[in-house]
Amino acid sequence: MPFQQGSARTRQRTILLVGIVVLLVALVLAVVLASVLTHGKPEVSPKMMKWKDRGTTKNLQEVILGRCYNYVMAQYPELGDKDCLKIWESLKHAFVYKNPCNITSEDYQPLLELASHPIPCNKSLFWSKTNDLAHRYTKSNQNFLTLEDTLLGYMADRVSWCGDPSAPGINYESCPKRSECESNPSSVFWKMASKMFAEAACGVVQVMLNGSVEAGAFRSSSIFGSIEILNLNPDKVSAVHIWLMHDIGGPQ
């Protein structure tokens, strides 16, 4: 009997060990199979949204910082207390990793507060459809300032930017046009900057309009007609002088 009991125990131990070995082999096979299947399928990263306008300006950070330092250190040293690094971080925070059609005025509010500065009375020059002429004039005549001659406008002039929810958070390939969505980074920025520029105007204000535009020199849909003129403060602005410019050879 003792011999039979010992044999029974041995068989039980053998069966138990075999069961454990089978379970371990099955577990190892499952892990190997899962690893092969996982590595066999490449990870698909989210694609950048595609739009119709040009993408974010290459080396945007260097461009913005360079323009900021040049403005506050070389052109207007009285603004030397402006923190260009904070200004850049505020701009980046306004659009990076965000859907470029969901930008709000709140996104840019910290940037405007950091970059704003007083505009001397009698020096504000607004323009509509006279971009090149107005800025050629202010470059040769220091008596007037356009929005693009302020710190905000100087940094952003002819520069583009937009974000994307997928990495790296900035879309360098394309950005949305206003016709694709109005709440895009560029449109929201320039509307807010134009509003701030108009609110700061005082004394005699100059306006340069294009008299050769077939739709008319004044258009209520333009930035000047829809934002700037509505935000001039009648308690601060004493007069508005309109310059009606024509192309050589017409039409007038």
C-alpha atoms as a PDB file:
ATOM      1  CA  MET A   1       0.000   0.000   0.000  1.00  0.00           C
ATOM      2  CA  PRO A   2       2.727   2.543   0.811  1.00  0.00           C
ATOM      3  CA  PHE A   3       4.294   1.785  -2.573  1.00  0.00           C
ATOM      4  CA  GLN A   4       0.980   2.363  -4.371  1.00  0.00           C
ATOM      5  CA  GLN A   5       0.384   5.633  -2.479  1.00  0.00           C
ATOM      6  CA  GLY A   6       3.859   6.851  -3.435  1.00  0.00           C
ATOM      7  CA  SER A   7       3.275   6.019  -7.066  1.00  0.00           C
ATOM      8  CA  ALA A   8      -0.056   7.901  -7.040  1.00  0.00           C
ATOM      9  CA  ARG A   9       1.604  10.966  -5.549  1.00  0.00           C
ATOM     10  CA  THR A  10       4.361  10.823  -8.161  1.00  0.00           C
ATOM     11  CA  ARG A  11       1.814  10.623 -10.977  1.00  0.00           C
ATOM     12  CA  GLN A  12      -0.077  13.612  -9.526  1.00  0.00           C
ATOM     13  CA  ARG A  13       3.101  15.659  -9.294  1.00  0.00           C
ATOM     14  CA  THR A  14       4.035  14.690 -12.858  1.00  0.00           C
ATOM     15  CA  ILE A  15       0.607  15.676 -14.153  1.00  0.00           C
ATOM     16  CA  LEU A  16       0.792  18.996 -12.241  1.00  0.00           C
ATOM     17  CA  LEU A  17       4.264  19.782 -13.616  1.00  0.00           C
ATOM     18  CA  VAL A  18       3.183  18.924 -17.145  1.00  0.00           C
ATOM     19  CA  GLY A  19       0.155  21.204 -16.742  1.00  0.00           C
ATOM     20  CA  ILE A  20       2.326  24.054 -15.524  1.00  0.00           C
ATOM     21  CA  VAL A  21       4.747  23.565 -18.424  1.00  0.00           C
ATOM     22  CA  VAL A  22       1.887  23.536 -20.925  1.00  0.00           C
ATOM     23  CA  LEU A  23       0.485  26.772 -19.449  1.00  0.00           C
ATOM     24  CA  LEU A  24       3.905  28.449 -19.580  1.00  0.00           C
ATOM     25  CA  VAL A  25       4.441  27.378 -23.191  1.00  0.00           C
ATOM     26  CA  ALA A  26       0.984  28.667 -24.128  1.00  0.00           C
ATOM     27  CA  LEU A  27       1.685  31.986 -22.379  1.00  0.00           C
ATOM     28  CA  VAL A  28       5.035  32.394 -24.161  1.00  0.00           C
ATOM     29  CA  LEU A  29       3.431  31.624 -27.523  1.00  0.00           C
ATOM     30  CA  ALA A  30       0.678  34.169 -26.852  1.00  0.00           C
ATOM     31  CA  VAL A  31       3.224  36.870 -26.006  1.00  0.00           C
ATOM     32  CA  VAL A  32       5.336  36.103 -29.087  1.00  0.00           C
ATOM     33  CA  LEU A  33       2.264  36.060 -31.341  1.00  0.00           C
ATOM     34  CA  ALA A  34       1.035  39.368 -29.953  1.00  0.00           C
ATOM     35  CA  SER A  35       4.476  40.923 -30.431  1.00  0.00           C
ATOM     36  CA  VAL A  36       4.676  39.731 -34.045  1.00  0.00           C
ATOM     37  CA  LEU A  37       1.208  41.041 -34.839  1.00  0.00           C
ATOM     38  CA  THR A  38       1.899  44.398 -33.175  1.00  0.00           C
ATOM     39  CA  HIS A  39       5.195  44.976 -34.960  1.00  0.00           C
ATOM     40  CA  GLY A  40       3.764  43.773 -38.216  1.00  0.00           C
ATOM     41  CA  LYS A  41       1.315  46.683 -38.301  1.00  0.00           C
ATOM     42  CA  PRO A  42       3.022  50.119 -38.465  1.00  0.00           C
ATOM     43  CA  GLU A  43       1.510  52.777 -36.233  1.00  0.00           C
ATOM     44  CA  VAL A  44      -0.619  55.234 -38.170  1.00  0.00           C
ATOM     45  CA  SER A  45      -0.096  58.811 -36.973  1.00  0.00           C
ATOM     46  CA  PRO A  46      -2.859  61.393 -37.499  1.00  0.00           C
ATOM     47  CA  LYS A  47      -2.459  63.354 -40.708  1.00  0.00           C
ATOM     48  CA  MET A  48      -2.175  67.132 -40.825  1.00  0.00           C
ATOM     49  CA  MET A  49      -5.275  68.973 -41.985  1.00  0.00           C
ATOM     50  CA  LYS A  50      -5.024  70.298 -45.540  1.00  0.00           C
ATOM     51  CA  TRP A  51      -5.986  73.872 -46.435  1.00  0.00           C
ATOM     52  CA  LYS A  52      -5.772  76.237 -49.417  1.00  0.00           C
ATOM     53  CA  ASP A  53      -3.448  78.944 -48.076  1.00  0.00           C
ATOM     54  CA  ARG A  54       0.309  78.833 -47.490  1.00  0.00           C
ATOM     55  CA  GLY A  55       1.538  77.094 -44.371  1.00  0.00           C
ATOM     56  CA  THR A  56       3.347  78.424 -41.326  1.00  0.00           C
ATOM     57  CA  THR A  57       6.435  80.494 -42.139  1.00  0.00           C
ATOM     58  CA  LYS A  58       9.619  78.452 -41.794  1.00  0.00           C
ATOM     59  CA  ASN A  59      11.673  79.272 -38.676  1.00  0.00           C
ATOM     60  CA  LEU A  60       8.731  81.255 -37.325  1.00  0.00           C
ATOM     61  CA  GLN A  61      10.210  81.534 -33.837  1.00  0.00           C
ATOM     62  CA  GLU A  62      13.460  83.032 -35.122  1.00  0.00           C
ATOM     63  CA  VAL A  63      11.566  85.448 -37.398  1.00  0.00           C
ATOM     64  CA  ILE A  64       9.289  86.721 -34.623  1.00  0.00           C
ATOM     65  CA  LEU A  65      12.085  87.024 -32.054  1.00  0.00           C
ATOM     66  CA  GLY A  66      14.411  88.736 -34.535  1.00  0.00           C
ATOM     67  CA  ARG A  67      11.788  91.291 -35.514  1.00  0.00           C
ATOM     68  CA  CYS A  68      10.823  91.884 -31.891  1.00  0.00           C
ATOM     69  CA  TYR A  69      14.398  92.508 -30.737  1.00  0.00           C
ATOM     70  CA  ASN A  70      15.091  94.738 -33.728  1.00  0.00           C
ATOM     71  CA  TYR A  71      11.975  96.805 -33.008  1.00  0.00           C
ATOM     72  CA  VAL A  72      12.487  97.310 -29.258  1.00  0.00           C
ATOM     73  CA  MET A  73      16.302  97.517 -29.268  1.00  0.00           C
ATOM     74  CA  ALA A  74      17.167  99.333 -32.498  1.00  0.00           C
ATOM     75  CA  GLN A  75      14.112 101.181 -33.800  1.00  0.00           C
ATOM     76  CA  TYR A  76      12.320 102.155 -30.588  1.00  0.00           C
ATOM     77  CA  PRO A  77      14.704 101.686 -27.627  1.00  0.00           C
ATOM     78  CA  GLU A  78      12.144 103.388 -25.377  1.00  0.00           C
ATOM     79  CA  LEU A  79      10.238 100.081 -25.613  1.00  0.00           C
ATOM     80  CA  GLY A  80      13.220  98.094 -24.360  1.00  0.00           C
ATOM     81  CA  ASP A  81      11.245  96.782 -21.406  1.00  0.00           C
ATOM     82  CA  LYS A  82       9.227  94.515 -23.717  1.00  0.00           C
ATOM     83  CA  ASP A  83       9.978  90.817 -23.117  1.00  0.00           C
ATOM     84  CA  CYS A  84      10.334  89.307 -26.598  1.00  0.00           C
ATOM     85  CA  LEU A  85      10.584  85.735 -25.289  1.00  0.00           C
ATOM     86  CA  LYS A  86       7.289  86.087 -23.437  1.00  0.00           C
ATOM     87  CA  ILE A  87       5.732  87.678 -26.527  1.00  0.00           C
ATOM     88  CA  TRP A  88       6.792  84.701 -28.659  1.00  0.00           C
ATOM     89  CA  GLU A  89       5.551  82.163 -26.091  1.00  0.00           C
ATOM     90  CA  SER A  90       2.222  83.982 -25.922  1.00  0.00           C
ATOM     91  CA  LEU A  91       1.862  83.890 -29.706  1.00  0.00           C
ATOM     92  CA  LYS A  92       2.795  80.203 -29.844  1.00  0.00           C
ATOM     93  CA  HIS A  93       0.346  79.333 -27.084  1.00  0.00           C
ATOM     94  CA  ALA A  94      -2.442  81.031 -29.078  1.00  0.00           C
ATOM     95  CA  PHE A  95      -2.352  78.506 -31.941  1.00  0.00           C
ATOM     96  CA  VAL A  96      -0.067  75.486 -31.372  1.00  0.00           C
ATOM     97  CA  TYR A  97      -1.904  72.116 -31.236  1.00  0.00           C
ATOM     98  CA  LYS A  98      -5.233  73.877 -31.879  1.00  0.00           C
ATOM     99  CA  ASN A  99      -7.724  73.406 -34.695  1.00  0.00           C
ATOM    100  CA  PRO A 100      -6.970  76.429 -36.936  1.00  0.00           C
ATOM    101  CA  CYS A 101     -10.681  77.044 -37.484  1.00  0.00           C
ATOM    102  CA  ASN A 102     -11.451  77.389 -33.773  1.00  0.00           C
ATOM    103  CA  ILE A 103      -9.242  80.341 -32.777  1.00  0.00           C
ATOM    104  CA  THR A 104     -10.848  82.946 -30.504  1.00  0.00           C
ATOM    105  CA  SER A 105     -10.048  86.496 -29.430  1.00  0.00           C
ATOM    106  CA  GLU A 106      -9.268  85.138 -25.954  1.00  0.00           C
ATOM    107  CA  ASP A 107      -6.385  83.133 -27.447  1.00  0.00           C
ATOM    108  CA  TYR A 108      -4.628  86.356 -28.485  1.00  0.00           C
ATOM    109  CA  GLN A 109      -5.530  88.576 -25.533  1.00  0.00           C
ATOM    110  CA  PRO A 110      -2.323  87.851 -23.542  1.00  0.00           C
ATOM    111  CA  LEU A 111      -0.214  88.604 -26.652  1.00  0.00           C
ATOM    112  CA  LEU A 112      -1.909  91.948 -27.240  1.00  0.00           C
ATOM    113  CA  GLU A 113      -1.382  92.958 -23.631  1.00  0.00           C
ATOM    114  CA  LEU A 114       2.326  92.088 -23.785  1.00  0.00           C
ATOM    115  CA  ALA A 115       3.042  93.786 -27.138  1.00  0.00           C
ATOM    116  CA  SER A 116       0.824  96.880 -26.972  1.00  0.00           C
ATOM    117  CA  HIS A 117       2.350 100.352 -26.641  1.00  0.00           C
ATOM    118  CA  PRO A 118       1.086 103.959 -26.906  1.00  0.00           C
ATOM    119  CA  ILE A 119       0.540 105.529 -30.335  1.00  0.00           C
ATOM    120  CA  PRO A 120       1.383 109.268 -30.443  1.00  0.00           C
ATOM    121  CA  CYS A 121      -1.536 111.562 -31.308  1.00  0.00           C
ATOM    122  CA  ASN A 122      -1.816 112.789 -34.915  1.00  0.00           C
ATOM    123  CA  LYS A 123       0.356 109.937 -36.217  1.00  0.00           C
ATOM    124  CA  SER A 124      -2.151 107.144 -36.994  1.00  0.00           C
ATOM    125  CA  LEU A 125      -2.460 106.246 -40.674  1.00  0.00           C
ATOM    126  CA  PHE A 126      -5.125 103.736 -41.731  1.00  0.00           C
ATOM    127  CA  TRP A 127      -5.246 102.216 -45.209  1.00  0.00           C
ATOM    128  CA  SER A 128      -7.405 100.026 -47.431  1.00  0.00           C
ATOM    129  CA  LYS A 129      -6.224  98.538 -50.744  1.00  0.00           C
ATOM    130  CA  THR A 130      -3.170 100.826 -50.619  1.00  0.00           C
ATOM    131  CA  ASN A 131      -0.785  98.515 -48.764  1.00  0.00           C
ATOM    132  CA  ASP A 132       2.432  99.131 -50.694  1.00  0.00           C
ATOM    133  CA  LEU A 133       1.877 102.868 -51.156  1.00  0.00           C
ATOM    134  CA  ALA A 134       0.986 103.472 -47.504  1.00  0.00           C
ATOM    135  CA  HIS A 135       4.086 101.675 -46.236  1.00  0.00           C
ATOM    136  CA  ARG A 136       6.426 103.230 -48.763  1.00  0.00           C
ATOM    137  CA  TYR A 137       5.121 106.550 -47.481  1.00  0.00           C
ATOM    138  CA  THR A 138       5.619 105.796 -43.776  1.00  0.00           C
ATOM    139  CA  LYS A 139       9.127 104.472 -44.422  1.00  0.00           C
ATOM    140  CA  SER A 140      10.109 107.782 -46.015  1.00  0.00           C
ATOM    141  CA  ASN A 141       8.038 109.950 -43.668  1.00  0.00           C
ATOM    142  CA  GLN A 142       8.341 109.311 -39.937  1.00  0.00           C
ATOM    143  CA  ASN A 143       5.350 111.535 -39.177  1.00  0.00           C
ATOM    144  CA  PHE A 144       2.850 108.675 -39.523  1.00  0.00           C
ATOM    145  CA  LEU A 145       2.444 105.083 -38.320  1.00  0.00           C
ATOM    146  CA  THR A 146       0.377 102.299 -39.836  1.00  0.00           C
ATOM    147  CA  LEU A 147      -0.614  99.169 -37.900  1.00  0.00           C
ATOM    148  CA  GLU A 148       2.337  97.395 -39.529  1.00  0.00           C
ATOM    149  CA  ASP A 149       4.652 100.044 -38.048  1.00  0.00           C
ATOM    150  CA  THR A 150       3.627  99.083 -34.503  1.00  0.00           C
ATOM    151  CA  LEU A 151       5.349  96.217 -32.659  1.00  0.00           C
ATOM    152  CA  LEU A 152       2.440  93.816 -33.193  1.00  0.00           C
ATOM    153  CA  GLY A 153       2.068  94.573 -36.883  1.00  0.00           C
ATOM    154  CA  TYR A 154       5.816  94.676 -37.523  1.00  0.00           C
ATOM    155  CA  MET A 155       6.314  91.176 -36.102  1.00  0.00           C
ATOM    156  CA  ALA A 156       3.388  89.648 -38.016  1.00  0.00           C
ATOM    157  CA  ASP A 157       3.615  91.493 -41.353  1.00  0.00           C
ATOM    158  CA  ARG A 158       3.682  89.039 -44.302  1.00  0.00           C
ATOM    159  CA  VAL A 159       4.139  86.117 -41.890  1.00  0.00           C
ATOM    160  CA  SER A 160       1.729  83.184 -41.612  1.00  0.00           C
ATOM    161  CA  TRP A 161       1.071  80.626 -38.904  1.00  0.00           C
ATOM    162  CA  CYS A 162      -1.465  77.983 -37.897  1.00  0.00           C
ATOM    163  CA  GLY A 163      -1.601  74.945 -35.672  1.00  0.00           C
ATOM    164  CA  ASP A 164      -2.890  71.397 -35.918  1.00  0.00           C
ATOM    165  CA  PRO A 165      -4.159  68.949 -33.268  1.00  0.00           C
ATOM    166  CA  SER A 166      -1.566  66.356 -34.366  1.00  0.00           C
ATOM    167  CA  ALA A 167       2.181  66.492 -33.695  1.00  0.00           C
ATOM    168  CA  PRO A 168       4.234  68.665 -33.976  1.00  0.00           C
ATOM    169  CA  GLY A 169       1.286  71.024 -33.410  1.00  0.00           C
ATOM    170  CA  ILE A 170       2.273  73.453 -36.194  1.00  0.00           C
ATOM    171  CA  ASN A 171       1.219  73.058 -39.828  1.00  0.00           C
ATOM    172  CA  TYR A 172       4.051  74.108 -42.144  1.00  0.00           C
ATOM    173  CA  GLU A 173       2.305  72.801 -45.266  1.00  0.00           C
ATOM    174  CA  SER A 174      -0.964  74.769 -45.378  1.00  0.00           C
ATOM    175  CA  CYS A 175      -3.226  77.094 -43.392  1.00  0.00           C
ATOM    176  CA  PRO A 176      -6.916  77.949 -43.904  1.00  0.00           C
ATOM    177  CA  LYS A 177      -8.039  80.904 -45.942  1.00  0.00           C
ATOM    178  CA  ARG A 178     -10.736  83.203 -44.625  1.00  0.00           C
ATOM    179  CA  SER A 179     -13.132  81.663 -47.172  1.00  0.00           C
ATOM    180  CA  GLU A 180     -12.557  78.248 -45.553  1.00  0.00           C
ATOM    181  CA  CYS A 181     -13.203  79.463 -42.018  1.00  0.00           C
ATOM    182  CA  GLU A 182     -13.282  82.967 -40.524  1.00  0.00           C
ATOM    183  CA  SER A 183     -11.935  81.977 -37.113  1.00  0.00           C
ATOM    184  CA  ASN A 184      -8.481  81.142 -38.454  1.00  0.00           C
ATOM    185  CA  PRO A 185      -5.283  82.349 -36.716  1.00  0.00           C
ATOM    186  CA  SER A 186      -4.471  85.107 -39.221  1.00  0.00           C
ATOM    187  CA  SER A 187      -7.962  86.627 -39.504  1.00  0.00           C
ATOM    188  CA  VAL A 188      -8.565  86.664 -35.756  1.00  0.00           C
ATOM    189  CA  PHE A 189      -5.128  88.172 -35.088  1.00  0.00           C
ATOM    190  CA  TRP A 190      -5.431  91.032 -37.600  1.00  0.00           C
ATOM    191  CA  LYS A 191      -8.978  91.852 -36.529  1.00  0.00           C
ATOM    192  CA  MET A 192      -7.894  92.168 -32.901  1.00  0.00           C
ATOM    193  CA  ALA A 193      -4.719  94.095 -33.746  1.00  0.00           C
ATOM    194  CA  SER A 194      -6.718  96.472 -36.004  1.00  0.00           C
ATOM    195  CA  LYS A 195      -9.278  97.056 -33.270  1.00  0.00           C
ATOM    196  CA  MET A 196      -6.543  97.868 -30.747  1.00  0.00           C
ATOM    197  CA  PHE A 197      -4.795 100.205 -33.225  1.00  0.00           C
ATOM    198  CA  ALA A 198      -8.039 102.098 -33.860  1.00  0.00           C
ATOM    199  CA  GLU A 199      -8.844 102.408 -30.155  1.00  0.00           C
ATOM    200  CA  ALA A 200      -5.401 103.916 -29.529  1.00  0.00           C
ATOM    201  CA  ALA A 201      -5.750 106.600 -32.225  1.00  0.00           C
ATOM    202  CA  CYS A 202      -6.061 110.198 -31.078  1.00  0.00           C
ATOM    203  CA  GLY A 203      -5.967 113.711 -32.543  1.00  0.00           C
ATOM    204  CA  VAL A 204      -6.092 113.964 -36.347  1.00  0.00           C
ATOM    205  CA  VAL A 205      -6.343 110.556 -38.057  1.00  0.00           C
ATOM    206  CA  GLN A 206      -5.211 109.902 -41.643  1.00  0.00           C
ATOM    207  CA  VAL A 207      -6.852 107.377 -43.992  1.00  0.00           C
ATOM    208  CA  MET A 208      -5.389 106.328 -47.358  1.00  0.00           C
ATOM    209  CA  LEU A 209      -7.965 104.762 -49.720  1.00  0.00           C
ATOM    210  CA  ASN A 210      -7.697 103.457 -53.277  1.00  0.00           C
ATOM    211  CA  GLY A 211      -9.883 105.439 -55.666  1.00  0.00           C
ATOM    212  CA  SER A 212      -9.149 103.110 -58.587  1.00  0.00           C
ATOM    213  CA  VAL A 213     -10.863 100.037 -57.092  1.00  0.00           C
ATOM    214  CA  GLU A 214     -13.946  99.187 -59.137  1.00  0.00           C
ATOM    215  CA  ALA A 215     -15.922  98.175 -56.023  1.00  0.00           C
ATOM    216  CA  GLY A 216     -15.366 101.645 -54.559  1.00  0.00           C
ATOM    217  CA  ALA A 217     -12.756 103.297 -52.375  1.00  0.00           C
ATOM    218  CA  PHE A 218     -14.706 102.607 -49.174  1.00  0.00           C
ATOM    219  CA  ARG A 219     -15.922  99.058 -48.580  1.00  0.00           C
ATOM    220  CA  SER A 220     -17.871  98.220 -45.452  1.00  0.00           C
ATOM    221  CA  SER A 221     -16.555  94.644 -45.619  1.00  0.00           C
ATOM    222  CA  SER A 222     -12.896  95.711 -45.373  1.00  0.00           C
ATOM    223  CA  ILE A 223     -10.944  95.732 -42.109  1.00  0.00           C
ATOM    224  CA  PHE A 224     -11.081  99.528 -42.120  1.00  0.00           C
ATOM    225  CA  GLY A 225     -14.812  99.625 -42.875  1.00  0.00           C
ATOM    226  CA  SER A 226     -15.902  96.816 -40.546  1.00  0.00           C
ATOM    227  CA  ILE A 227     -13.512  97.182 -37.605  1.00  0.00           C
ATOM    228  CA  GLU A 228     -11.204 100.193 -37.525  1.00  0.00           C
ATOM    229  CA  ILE A 229     -13.667 102.980 -38.311  1.00  0.00           C
ATOM    230  CA  LEU A 230     -16.137 101.553 -35.783  1.00  0.00           C
ATOM    231  CA  ASN A 231     -13.530 101.594 -33.007  1.00  0.00           C
ATOM    232  CA  LEU A 232     -12.256 105.167 -33.439  1.00  0.00           C
ATOM    233  CA  ASN A 233     -13.042 106.992 -30.208  1.00  0.00           C
ATOM    234  CA  PRO A 234     -14.890 110.287 -30.972  1.00  0.00           C
ATOM    235  CA  ASP A 235     -13.749 111.624 -27.603  1.00  0.00           C
ATOM    236  CA  LYS A 236     -10.108 111.183 -28.638  1.00  0.00           C
ATOM    237  CA  VAL A 237     -10.173 111.687 -32.435  1.00  0.00           C
ATOM    238  CA  SER A 238     -10.659 115.318 -33.486  1.00  0.00           C
ATOM    239  CA  ALA A 239     -10.678 114.881 -37.292  1.00  0.00           C
ATOM    240  CA  VAL A 240     -10.321 112.282 -40.026  1.00  0.00           C
ATOM    241  CA  HIS A 241      -8.420 113.231 -43.185  1.00  0.00           C
ATOM    242  CA  ILE A 242      -9.058 110.949 -46.163  1.00  0.00           C
ATOM    243  CA  TRP A 243      -6.479 110.613 -48.906  1.00  0.00           C
ATOM    244  CA  LEU A 244      -8.047 109.242 -52.084  1.00  0.00           C
ATOM    245  CA  MET A 245      -5.234 107.773 -54.174  1.00  0.00           C
ATOM    246  CA  HIS A 246      -5.563 106.765 -57.846  1.00  0.00           C
ATOM    247  CA  ASP A 247      -3.493 104.519 -60.082  1.00  0.00           C
ATOM    248  CA  ILE A 248      -1.573 106.445 -62.725  1.00  0.00           C
ATOM    249  CA  GLY A 249      -3.721 106.253 -65.829  1.00  0.00           C
ATOM    250  CA  GLY A 250      -6.900 105.544 -63.891  1.00  0.00           C
ATOM    251  CA  PRO A 251      -9.575 104.507 -63.520  1.00  0.00           C
ATOM    252  CA  GLN A 252     -10.853 107.206 -61.159  1.00  0.00           C
END
